Amino acid sequence: MIDACNSRDRRAGPRRGLLGSAAVLAATAGALAVAQPANAAALAEYSVTLTPGPLSIQVDFQTTDPASGGGDNVGSFVATAKATGQPDKTCTATTADGGATTATCYLTGLVAGATYTVTSVARNLTNTSNLNGVTATPATQTAVPTKLNAPASVTAVPNGKTGEVDVSWVPGTNANANVTNFTATAYLGTNSTGKSCTSESGSVYACTVTGLTDGTPYSFKVVANGPAASANSNATASSGTVTPGVKPAAPTNVVASTNAAGAVTVSWTPSTTAGATYSVTAYEDGVTPAGTVLDCTTPLTAASNSVTCSGSGAVAGKEYVFKVDATKDGLTSDVATSNSIFKVSAAPSPTGVTATGGDTELTASWTAPTTGTITNYRVNAVGGGDQFACTTTGLTCKITGLTNGTAYTVTVEAISSTGTASAAVAATGSPVTPAIVPKPDAPTITTPAQSDITANAATISWTPAAAVSGAAVQYYIATATPKASGSAAGATPDAGNPSCTAVAPATTCTINGLLPGTQYNVSVVAYASATAYSTAGTLSITTSGSPAPSGGGMSGPVVTNREGKSQMFARGGDGNLYTNVRDASGNWGQWTSLGGLIGSEPVAVVNGSGTSARLQVFVLGAADHAVWFRLQNANDTGFGPWTHVSGSRWISKIEVQKNQSGTVQVFGRGADGNLYYSVQTTATDPGTWQDWVSLGGLIASDPTVVQWADGTLEVFAIGAGDGQIWHRWQTKPGDNTSWAWWAHVAPSTAQNIGL
């Protein structure tokens, strides 16, 4: 038998690798032992340096005589940490090819503040046993791990919801430490309020503090939390001071028009937030501020809902859009965007315009032009220093919110598909003055008996409404509005909801077409005439039976995530978003809730590719019907918080397509019937979105968007006026500034073509 210990070749020269150098083998009792290489230089001594860190200790090893090649017989170094009452921890530093002169490992999962005694050993090349006669300097050391480092750069932003502030931060440097999550706490001056929020995990750097008092200024501090309280970091420096509050509701139905001279008028439906003021900004080609030629910053009172812009006027060949927001108590609403307008030849004028005053309102009617394509009409009323408007596709329109006794000059504009307009003055030739109009009192609804309400119908009764100043009741309309629609009790009846009519003196009627197990707000309005009617009497009912199942566990899309696995998204029966991942063996895992509540089926896309791919899932919010998303975190499989796509614009249905540049673009039909889109700012920052841009309309269907082989996007929709298919397309692939105007797909005499 050959003695391996005495057969080592001690000639100079470092050994590189176990193969290619002579090894001496010895067999004893059938066992095979691997000896040291014949030309290896043996390690006699190495040094150990400890560096405490957050919940960890860095251990650095170095051979004391690297020039001699010492260390060629070392496969690894192993460090062991012991502390009273704590489990032992070890780490291993493997040497490269057995010849490294330095190596490092990290003792992790330690307890902050505990004193650890660290020892180490050197292992042979096969890491099967310790090397004898090798000395560590020093042989034993102690070190005390620190607690977590604090986060930094805390930012607080009121999110416009009552008592809420969104807080975000930059994580501290806590490599090799387990950060469980983060806690943000609200402060009044230097005193904690006890109001806080905690992030979902240690890789999520934002949360929302709730339960605050609107109108009160707060600052915020953040703490990184570890496995135990002793590991928690110090609090950060305070954020800036912010004041929570409810931002005003955004204005809606923004309509812009220009005449042949380039003068521009912008009108909107006012915010539902009383006392809000408005600002209007013009943009050229939908992007560049155009205040030098169209200054719409004339101070507007809270009553106004229309403005005529000053400046040199719209320029021929340019496309303009206008953005309107509402402000109250220092909080600003989401932005509402108008249709696009172009300065071309004027639209034909309406004729036969008349206007009649009512109680704080006026009603205008007119005759349509005999030529030209008119998309809608706007009635303008100017008086008392205020400017009001209403828009319609019909031939009559009512302006409300006027002041009784104030004279208003009324004009009606016919607006073409390019946004150009011509106006006609009310045929009366003199201002219209609203005045009090007698109207009936509100009826009082009688609580229905249980037998009066079935799964699909409800018989509603009420006491007769009293006539006021001769305004006798001619008929009643009872309307049932689903509570899930967000309509408050007492809201103006919606013609799209189930209703019934009773001709006076009848005081009962049956509303059919209801859904089982559904809550409704029922309103009854008494009419003396079509323009003289009471406020609504209201109550709530619930139909019998079980509601139809909502959501769908299998209705969401399936995409491939960055791990190459199929991942499904679906809306659950509770209205929350869920996700599930299919493993390599083809089995689906457990459903994971991503929260909600959501009002649509989800649409998921993949941003980027390979290991840098990030999933992004889009839904419509159940409360606001706006587009929300959650974006996969860059460093793990979790998802960031729910975020609006560029504000809370109402969208009928989500349509998603990718641009030539790789940016994701979301399309949808707005509440005003126009087509809108929003696009990611860059493909590398999928969480940032540009403002919604109107592509005009009016459309009667949800859009369908395709991307052709050259990257061009083309969008199709059914026109509201003729029921035929129209389209717009990018004249340059991926260029959102180069959309061609609406055109028929092909001339056709067919009507009501479906997509």
Foldseek 3Di string as FASTA:
>chain_A
DDDLVPQAAADADADFAPPPFDWDWDADPRDIDTHDGNHHDEQQEKEWDWDAEQQKIKIKIFGPCLVRQYQQFFQWKKKWKDFPPDDIWMWIWGDDRRRDRMTMTMGHPHFAPTKIKMAMFTAGNVNPDTDPNHQYVVRIDIDGHHAAAEWDDKAWAAPQDAFKIKIFTGGDPHPRFAFFWKKKFKDDVPHTPPFIDIDPGNQFGMDMTGDHHAPGKIWMWMWTDHPDPRRIHDIYPIYDIDGYHHAWAWWADWAWAAALQQKIKIFTHATPDPFWFKAKWKAKLQHHTDCQAWPFGDGAGSLAGMTITDHNHADAPIKMKMWMWIGDPRHIAFIYIYAIAHNDHAFDEWAQWAWAAEAQKIKIFTHDDPDAAFQKKKKWWDWPNHIHIDMDRDGMDMTHRHDAPIWIWIKMWGAHQRRYTDIDTHPVPGTYGHHYDWAWAAWAKDDDDPVQFAQFKGKTFTDDTDGDPPLHFFKKKKFWAFVLVVDDAQDDHDPVTFMDMGTPPGGIDMTGGHHGQTKTKMWMKTHSDPRGIYGTHIDMDTHHDDGDQDWDPQPFDWDQALVRWIKTWTQDSVQWIWMWTQDPVRDIDDIDTPGANFDATKDKDWQDHHLQIKIKIWTQHSNQQFIWIWIQRRPDRDTHHIDGQSHRFHFDDWDWDAFPQRWIKIWGQGPNQWIKIKIAPHSVCNVHIDHIDTLGANFDDIKYWDADPQRKIKIWGQHPPFLAIKIWIAPDGRDSSRIDHIDGPDDDPDHNDDD
